[in-house]
Each structure stands twice: as structure tokens, then as C-alpha cells.
Amino acid sequence: MTTHPPVETSDGIRLHVTDTGDGEPVLFLHEYAGDHRSWSRQVAELREDFRCVTYAARGYTPSDVPTRPSAYSWQRAVEDALNVLDALELQTVHIVGLSMGGYTALQLGLRHPDRVRSVMAVSAGSGSDPAGRPAYLEEARIVAKQLRFHGSAPVGRAMGEGPSRVQLKHRDEQAWHEMIEQFSEQSAEGRALTILQIQACRPSLHDMIDDFRSFSVPLLVVNGDEDEACLSTGIMLKRTVPSCGMHILPNSGHVPNLEDPRQFNGIIRRFIHTVESDTWPVRDPRSRLTSQFGLDQDAPADPAENSPRSTAGSEKATALK
């Protein structure tokens, strides 16, 4: 990764930014448990074809770690991304966001579609499912307390053994250890403020269904099929956003970019290529029917239906059933 001079946000926070490669610009937004280094396996491969931009969010070193709770919010995270784009003089970008970064990417697509060429939202929606939201908010409080009492290292080790991280341990134990080590290196207070002021205060994506019906940029939702906390939100987005595709990865958890980087990078390449070739489709409304043939209701009588040809067609349709 090639380090860019720090970008100063509109409220005076300095963000550590990397800018690597040439081609169509892609902005990578990291998850809560990661940082800008989480994208190293993407940048190393994709830099040959794309301009890859990463940054450490506020609260994550080597970016500034403000200690004021008011310095953290999901709205501020959106503004920080825009500040980075402005500093690099990027008018429009493809955005790949993981988890917390996926939430920010979706908000950018909703609120600033003129700056967004496409969104790939990966493992987005933790805490959004109404059924699991109370437990999510309680866990956020507990995580912040544990960070402040014990520090980042023990919380990172516990996180690594969590239900959506064990998949990485089974697939690539070295990458799993690296994830835990990088978590341990980060500021405990920065992470505590992030989970309390951003993660626990952001609205549920399920409460934004009306907004997502008018989401106007190409969207690809990527979920691991064992990332239980995010699956229902991914399905909601697929059913709601007109130009949304959905990619479910088998036997995969919350960090598919680390579990199988080659597969993940291929998904990025194909999605961006499709968008750039203007072949990413808007969903045909007829596909929303739940019947198999669209014959769940009797059609008005057709005078021609008694003709021999129509009768034969009817027999074939009956045989298909």
C-alpha cells in the first residue's frame, strides 16, 4: 500500500490514507474489528487494474483517536469518506464496504449517489434485524466495558473465537492470528467509543426500507451463509433495492475478504466490470411473484383457449406441473 499524506476532516481529525494503483477508483471501507490493513490482500492483487484507496477510520491508529464521544457518529463516518474523496479529487468511486464499512457505503449510496458509481456491501447489517437488535445493543455495551477494563488484546481473542470468525480460523489460521493481532494493536478507547457512538447509535437498515426502494446506484450484497446476524438484512436489501444482486458464499462467515481473498477479489472484479459495461440490471418486477410460473391467479377467459393449439399448450402446461 502506498501511503498518502494524512487527510484532515472538516472537524479537524487526521485520517491515515493509502492510495495504490491505477484505473477505476475503488474506496475500501473497513469493519469494526479491522482497520485499513484488512484490505491488504485486495490491494495487492487489484492494484494492477484499479486505483485502490483505503483509510483507517477515526478512532483507529494511525488515524487520530479523539476522546470526545461527540466526535463519533455514523453521520460523521459518512462525512469522513466524502472528505477522503475530496482530498484525493475523486468525483465518483466504486465502494467496497465490510460490515461497519458496508453500513457507511450504503449510506453514501443513499445520500450521495452523485459520488458513488457502485456499492458492494459485504456482511452489512449487524444489529439491524429487529429480532436480534436488543441483544446486539446489550453486547455493544458489554464490549465497550470490557475494552475499557481489560484492553484490546483479550477482547480481540474472544472476538476471534466468535460465531462468525471461526470460519476464518478453519480456512486460514495465519490470517486469523493476524486479524486478532491487529485488533489488539488498536486503541481500546477508540474501539469503545466507536461501538457505543456509531455501532449502537446507528438506525437499523430495516427501518430504512422506504429509502432503499429509491436506492439508485448498482448494489451487490455479499454474505457468508454462516454470518447469521447479517443474512436477513442482506435478503431485505435484495428484495427492496431495484438494482441489487446478492451473492451468498457457502460455509463462510463475516470476513470473506480474509477467508478466501482470491474468490473475493474475483467477485469485486466481475461486479465492477459489469457496472462499467453498463450491463448491471434493474430487477424485473415480474420476478417478485412467489409462484413458479406466474399462474397463481386465473386469467380472464381467452376466446382462443378452446382452439386445438391452445388446448395442446394447456396440456403441456399441465404436464409440467
Protein backbone atom coordinates (compact mmCIF):
# COMPACT_ATOMS: atom_id res chain seq x y z
CA MET A 1 0.00 0.00 0.00
CA THR A 2 1.22 3.50 -0.85
CA THR A 3 0.71 6.00 1.97
CA HIS A 4 -0.98 9.28 1.07
CA PRO A 5 -0.45 12.41 3.18
CA PRO A 6 -2.98 12.45 6.06
CA VAL A 7 -6.40 13.79 5.14
CA GLU A 8 -7.86 16.32 7.57
CA THR A 9 -11.61 16.06 8.01
CA SER A 10 -13.96 19.00 8.27
CA ASP A 11 -13.79 18.77 12.09
CA GLY A 12 -10.00 18.59 12.25
CA ILE A 13 -9.38 14.83 12.57
CA ARG A 14 -6.42 13.45 10.59
CA LEU A 15 -7.06 10.22 8.72
CA HIS A 16 -4.36 7.81 7.57
CA VAL A 17 -4.95 7.11 3.86
CA THR A 18 -3.36 4.78 1.32
CA ASP A 19 -3.70 5.27 -2.43
CA THR A 20 -2.34 2.48 -4.63
CA GLY A 21 -2.59 1.55 -8.30
CA ASP A 22 -4.20 2.98 -11.40
CA GLY A 23 -7.56 2.55 -13.09
CA GLU A 24 -11.12 2.96 -11.91
CA PRO A 25 -11.03 4.18 -8.28
CA VAL A 26 -12.28 1.84 -5.58
CA LEU A 27 -12.76 3.03 -2.00
CA PHE A 28 -12.45 0.27 0.63
CA LEU A 29 -14.18 0.84 3.99
CA HIS A 30 -13.11 -1.46 6.82
CA GLU A 31 -15.10 -3.23 9.53
CA TYR A 32 -15.27 -2.53 13.26
CA ALA A 33 -12.84 -5.33 14.17
CA GLY A 34 -10.36 -4.44 11.42
CA ASP A 35 -8.59 -1.39 10.04
CA HIS A 36 -7.14 -0.25 6.72
CA ARG A 37 -4.75 -3.23 6.75
CA SER A 38 -7.70 -5.60 6.49
CA TRP A 39 -7.73 -4.86 2.76
CA SER A 40 -4.07 -5.71 2.09
CA ARG A 41 -4.96 -8.93 0.23
CA GLN A 42 -7.33 -6.99 -2.00
CA VAL A 43 -4.97 -4.11 -2.73
CA ALA A 44 -2.05 -6.45 -3.50
CA GLU A 45 -3.99 -8.15 -6.30
CA LEU A 46 -6.35 -5.44 -7.55
CA ARG A 47 -3.79 -2.62 -7.77
CA GLU A 48 -2.89 -3.76 -11.28
CA ASP A 49 -6.35 -2.85 -12.56
CA PHE A 50 -7.85 -0.39 -10.08
CA ARG A 51 -6.89 2.62 -8.02
CA CYS A 52 -7.34 1.21 -4.52
CA VAL A 53 -7.98 3.71 -1.71
CA THR A 54 -8.12 2.68 1.95
CA TYR A 55 -8.09 4.62 5.20
CA ALA A 56 -8.17 3.97 8.92
CA ALA A 57 -11.40 5.33 10.34
CA ARG A 58 -11.26 7.87 13.15
CA GLY A 59 -10.53 6.05 16.36
CA TYR A 60 -8.17 3.65 14.57
CA THR A 61 -4.44 4.36 14.56
CA PRO A 62 -2.52 5.70 12.76
CA SER A 63 -5.52 8.00 12.24
CA ASP A 64 -6.39 10.29 15.13
CA VAL A 65 -8.23 8.80 18.11
CA PRO A 66 -10.43 11.58 19.52
CA THR A 67 -11.57 11.04 23.10
CA ARG A 68 -14.77 13.08 22.85
CA PRO A 69 -17.86 10.89 22.38
CA SER A 70 -19.36 13.63 20.21
CA ALA A 71 -16.57 13.10 17.67
CA TYR A 72 -18.10 9.74 16.71
CA SER A 73 -21.33 9.09 14.81
CA TRP A 74 -22.49 7.18 11.74
CA GLN A 75 -23.17 10.52 10.03
CA ARG A 76 -19.61 11.59 10.79
CA ALA A 77 -18.34 8.35 9.24
CA VAL A 78 -20.16 9.22 6.01
CA GLU A 79 -18.69 12.72 6.06
CA ASP A 80 -15.19 11.33 6.63
CA ALA A 81 -15.49 9.21 3.49
CA LEU A 82 -16.52 12.27 1.49
CA ASN A 83 -13.59 14.22 2.93
CA VAL A 84 -11.22 11.50 1.70
CA LEU A 85 -12.75 11.57 -1.78
CA ASP A 86 -12.46 15.34 -1.91
CA ALA A 87 -8.84 15.32 -0.75
CA LEU A 88 -7.93 12.80 -3.46
CA GLU A 89 -10.01 14.73 -6.01
CA LEU A 90 -12.20 11.71 -6.76
CA GLN A 91 -15.61 12.71 -8.03
CA THR A 92 -17.11 9.21 -8.23
CA VAL A 93 -15.88 5.84 -6.95
CA HIS A 94 -16.86 2.23 -6.60
CA ILE A 95 -17.18 1.43 -2.89
CA VAL A 96 -16.47 -1.89 -1.20
CA GLY A 97 -17.54 -1.80 2.45
CA LEU A 98 -17.27 -4.57 5.02
CA SER A 99 -19.69 -4.67 7.98
CA MET A 100 -19.36 -1.22 9.62
CA GLY A 101 -17.87 -0.04 6.34
CA GLY A 102 -20.75 -1.63 4.46
CA TYR A 103 -23.20 0.43 6.51
CA THR A 104 -21.30 3.59 5.60
CA ALA A 105 -21.18 2.55 1.95
CA LEU A 106 -24.95 2.08 1.88
CA GLN A 107 -25.49 5.49 3.45
CA LEU A 108 -23.20 7.07 0.86
CA GLY A 109 -25.23 5.42 -1.89
CA LEU A 110 -28.48 6.68 -0.36
CA ARG A 111 -27.40 10.22 0.45
CA HIS A 112 -24.70 10.99 -2.11
CA PRO A 113 -25.43 8.92 -5.23
CA ASP A 114 -23.65 11.50 -7.37
CA ARG A 115 -20.36 10.43 -5.73
CA VAL A 116 -20.94 6.68 -5.95
CA ARG A 117 -20.54 4.53 -9.06
CA SER A 118 -21.50 1.31 -7.28
CA VAL A 119 -21.67 -0.25 -3.82
CA MET A 120 -20.56 -3.72 -2.78
CA ALA A 121 -21.92 -4.17 0.74
CA VAL A 122 -20.26 -7.12 2.46
CA SER A 123 -21.53 -8.59 5.74
CA ALA A 124 -23.56 -5.44 6.33
CA GLY A 125 -26.38 -5.15 8.83
CA SER A 126 -25.21 -6.43 12.22
CA GLY A 127 -27.78 -5.24 14.74
CA SER A 128 -30.34 -4.34 12.08
CA ASP A 129 -32.53 -7.44 12.30
CA PRO A 130 -35.37 -6.44 14.67
CA ALA A 131 -35.34 -9.86 16.34
CA GLY A 132 -31.69 -9.59 17.32
CA ARG A 133 -31.37 -5.85 17.88
CA PRO A 134 -31.87 -5.77 21.69
CA ALA A 135 -29.15 -8.40 22.18
CA TYR A 136 -26.85 -6.52 19.78
CA LEU A 137 -27.21 -3.28 21.72
CA GLU A 138 -26.55 -5.05 25.01
CA GLU A 139 -23.47 -6.73 23.58
CA ALA A 140 -22.15 -3.36 22.37
CA ARG A 141 -22.36 -2.05 25.94
CA ILE A 142 -20.56 -5.13 27.27
CA VAL A 143 -17.81 -4.95 24.63
CA ALA A 144 -17.13 -1.28 25.43
CA LYS A 145 -16.94 -2.08 29.14
CA GLN A 146 -14.56 -4.99 28.56
CA LEU A 147 -12.34 -2.89 26.28
CA ARG A 148 -12.02 -0.19 28.92
CA PHE A 149 -11.43 -2.66 31.74
CA HIS A 150 -9.23 -5.29 30.08
CA GLY A 151 -7.88 -3.60 26.93
CA SER A 152 -7.97 -4.64 23.28
CA ALA A 153 -5.98 -7.90 23.42
CA PRO A 154 -8.36 -10.14 25.43
CA VAL A 155 -11.39 -8.74 23.63
CA GLY A 156 -9.68 -9.46 20.32
CA ARG A 157 -9.02 -13.06 21.31
CA ALA A 158 -12.65 -13.54 22.32
CA MET A 159 -13.81 -11.94 19.08
CA GLY A 160 -11.67 -14.34 17.06
CA GLU A 161 -13.48 -17.31 18.58
CA GLY A 162 -16.89 -15.75 17.88
CA PRO A 163 -19.60 -17.43 15.79
CA SER A 164 -18.82 -15.55 12.56
CA ARG A 165 -14.99 -15.58 12.89
CA VAL A 166 -14.28 -19.27 13.49
CA GLN A 167 -14.74 -19.85 9.76
CA LEU A 168 -11.57 -17.83 9.12
CA LYS A 169 -9.70 -19.87 11.74
CA HIS A 170 -10.63 -23.08 9.93
CA ARG A 171 -9.73 -21.73 6.48
CA ASP A 172 -6.58 -19.71 7.13
CA GLU A 173 -5.22 -19.78 10.66
CA GLN A 174 -2.39 -17.39 9.81
CA ALA A 175 -4.86 -14.75 8.59
CA TRP A 176 -6.96 -15.40 11.71
CA HIS A 177 -3.99 -14.75 14.01
CA GLU A 178 -3.17 -11.62 12.00
CA MET A 179 -6.73 -10.33 12.46
CA ILE A 180 -6.53 -10.82 16.23
CA GLU A 181 -3.09 -9.23 16.44
CA GLN A 182 -4.22 -6.16 14.51
CA PHE A 183 -7.28 -5.85 16.75
CA SER A 184 -5.02 -5.98 19.80
CA GLU A 185 -2.82 -3.18 18.47
CA GLN A 186 -5.66 -0.70 18.25
CA SER A 187 -6.78 1.81 20.87
CA ALA A 188 -9.21 0.29 23.37
CA GLU A 189 -10.83 3.68 23.94
CA GLY A 190 -11.16 4.33 20.22
CA ARG A 191 -12.91 0.99 19.75
CA ALA A 192 -15.12 1.57 22.82
CA LEU A 193 -16.27 4.94 21.53
CA THR A 194 -16.81 3.53 18.04
CA ILE A 195 -19.04 0.70 19.22
CA LEU A 196 -21.02 2.94 21.60
CA GLN A 197 -21.41 6.07 19.49
CA ILE A 198 -21.52 4.59 15.98
CA GLN A 199 -22.49 0.93 16.07
CA ALA A 200 -25.02 1.17 18.88
CA CYS A 201 -26.49 4.52 17.81
CA ARG A 202 -26.96 3.95 14.10
CA PRO A 203 -30.52 3.23 12.94
CA SER A 204 -31.46 -0.23 11.76
CA LEU A 205 -31.26 -0.70 8.00
CA HIS A 206 -34.67 -2.38 8.24
CA ASP A 207 -36.11 0.97 9.32
CA MET A 208 -34.92 2.50 6.03
CA ILE A 209 -36.87 0.26 3.65
CA ASP A 210 -38.72 3.20 2.10
CA ASP A 211 -35.39 4.93 1.42
CA PHE A 212 -33.87 1.80 -0.10
CA ARG A 213 -36.74 1.49 -2.58
CA SER A 214 -35.25 4.53 -4.34
CA PHE A 215 -31.58 3.47 -3.98
CA SER A 216 -30.30 4.45 -7.41
CA VAL A 217 -26.79 3.01 -7.78
CA PRO A 218 -25.83 -0.59 -8.60
CA LEU A 219 -25.63 -2.66 -5.42
CA LEU A 220 -24.15 -6.08 -4.76
CA VAL A 221 -24.80 -7.61 -1.35
CA VAL A 222 -22.30 -10.28 -0.29
CA ASN A 223 -22.97 -12.51 2.72
CA GLY A 224 -21.45 -15.61 4.20
CA ASP A 225 -24.14 -18.21 4.78
CA GLU A 226 -22.92 -18.71 8.37
CA ASP A 227 -22.98 -15.00 9.24
CA GLU A 228 -26.36 -15.30 10.94
CA ALA A 229 -26.52 -11.70 12.17
CA CYS A 230 -26.42 -10.27 8.64
CA LEU A 231 -28.37 -12.69 6.44
CA SER A 232 -31.86 -11.27 6.96
CA THR A 233 -30.66 -7.75 6.22
CA GLY A 234 -28.99 -8.90 3.02
CA ILE A 235 -32.23 -10.53 1.91
CA MET A 236 -34.17 -7.37 2.80
CA LEU A 237 -31.84 -5.29 0.61
CA LYS A 238 -32.16 -7.76 -2.27
CA ARG A 239 -35.94 -7.59 -2.08
CA THR A 240 -36.05 -3.81 -1.74
CA VAL A 241 -33.32 -2.16 -3.84
CA PRO A 242 -34.25 -2.12 -7.56
CA SER A 243 -30.71 -2.77 -8.82
CA CYS A 244 -29.47 -5.16 -6.13
CA GLY A 245 -27.79 -8.51 -6.66
CA MET A 246 -26.98 -10.94 -3.87
CA HIS A 247 -24.01 -13.30 -3.57
CA ILE A 248 -24.14 -15.93 -0.82
CA LEU A 249 -20.84 -17.61 -0.02
CA PRO A 250 -21.11 -21.20 1.28
CA ASN A 251 -19.60 -22.18 4.63
CA SER A 252 -18.46 -18.59 5.11
CA GLY A 253 -18.59 -16.13 7.99
CA HIS A 254 -18.20 -12.39 8.50
CA VAL A 255 -14.85 -11.72 6.79
CA PRO A 256 -14.91 -13.35 3.33
CA ASN A 257 -12.19 -10.96 2.16
CA LEU A 258 -9.81 -12.78 4.52
CA GLU A 259 -11.29 -16.28 4.28
CA ASP A 260 -10.77 -16.60 0.53
CA PRO A 261 -9.13 -13.47 -0.93
CA ARG A 262 -8.87 -14.84 -4.47
CA GLN A 263 -12.57 -15.66 -4.61
CA PHE A 264 -13.48 -12.33 -3.02
CA ASN A 265 -11.28 -10.35 -5.40
CA GLY A 266 -12.89 -12.13 -8.33
CA ILE A 267 -16.32 -11.03 -7.12
CA ILE A 268 -15.10 -7.42 -6.97
CA ARG A 269 -13.65 -7.62 -10.48
CA ARG A 270 -16.76 -9.12 -12.04
CA PHE A 271 -19.11 -6.69 -10.32
CA ILE A 272 -17.16 -3.59 -11.30
CA HIS A 273 -16.69 -4.87 -14.86
CA THR A 274 -20.44 -5.40 -15.18
CA VAL A 275 -21.19 -1.92 -13.84
CA GLU A 276 -18.60 -0.28 -16.07
CA SER A 277 -20.00 -2.07 -19.13
CA ASP A 278 -23.48 -0.79 -18.23
CA THR A 279 -24.90 -4.31 -18.04
CA TRP A 280 -25.81 -4.41 -14.34
CA PRO A 281 -29.59 -4.93 -14.45
CA VAL A 282 -32.55 -3.41 -12.68
CA ARG A 283 -34.78 -6.16 -11.32
CA ASP A 284 -37.72 -7.16 -13.49
CA PRO A 285 -40.83 -6.55 -11.32
CA ARG A 286 -42.30 -9.86 -12.52
CA SER A 287 -39.58 -11.71 -10.62
CA ARG A 288 -41.13 -10.61 -7.33
CA LEU A 289 -44.01 -13.09 -7.69
CA THR A 290 -43.74 -16.09 -5.41
CA SER A 291 -45.39 -18.53 -7.81
CA GLN A 292 -43.22 -20.62 -10.11
CA PHE A 293 -44.99 -19.88 -13.39
CA GLY A 294 -46.86 -16.70 -12.58
CA LEU A 295 -50.13 -18.64 -12.91
CA ASP A 296 -51.24 -18.26 -9.31
CA GLN A 297 -54.39 -16.40 -10.41
CA ASP A 298 -56.92 -17.29 -13.09
CA ALA A 299 -56.54 -15.11 -16.17
CA PRO A 300 -59.59 -13.67 -17.98
CA ALA A 301 -61.15 -16.12 -20.42
CA ASP A 302 -59.45 -16.11 -23.82
CA PRO A 303 -61.69 -16.98 -26.79
CA ALA A 304 -58.73 -18.70 -28.43
CA GLU A 305 -58.12 -21.02 -25.50
CA ASN A 306 -60.51 -23.63 -26.93
CA SER A 307 -58.62 -23.87 -30.21
CA PRO A 308 -56.62 -27.08 -30.79
CA ARG A 309 -53.33 -25.18 -30.46
CA SER A 310 -54.37 -23.60 -27.16
CA THR A 311 -55.59 -26.94 -25.84
CA ALA A 312 -52.27 -28.57 -26.65
CA GLY A 313 -50.45 -25.76 -24.92
CA SER A 314 -52.68 -26.21 -21.91
CA GLU A 315 -51.94 -29.93 -21.82
CA LYS A 316 -48.21 -29.19 -21.91
CA ALA A 317 -48.54 -26.70 -19.09
CA THR A 318 -50.48 -29.25 -17.06
CA ALA A 319 -47.84 -31.88 -17.74
CA LEU A 320 -45.15 -29.54 -16.48
CA LYS A 321 -46.85 -29.39 -13.13
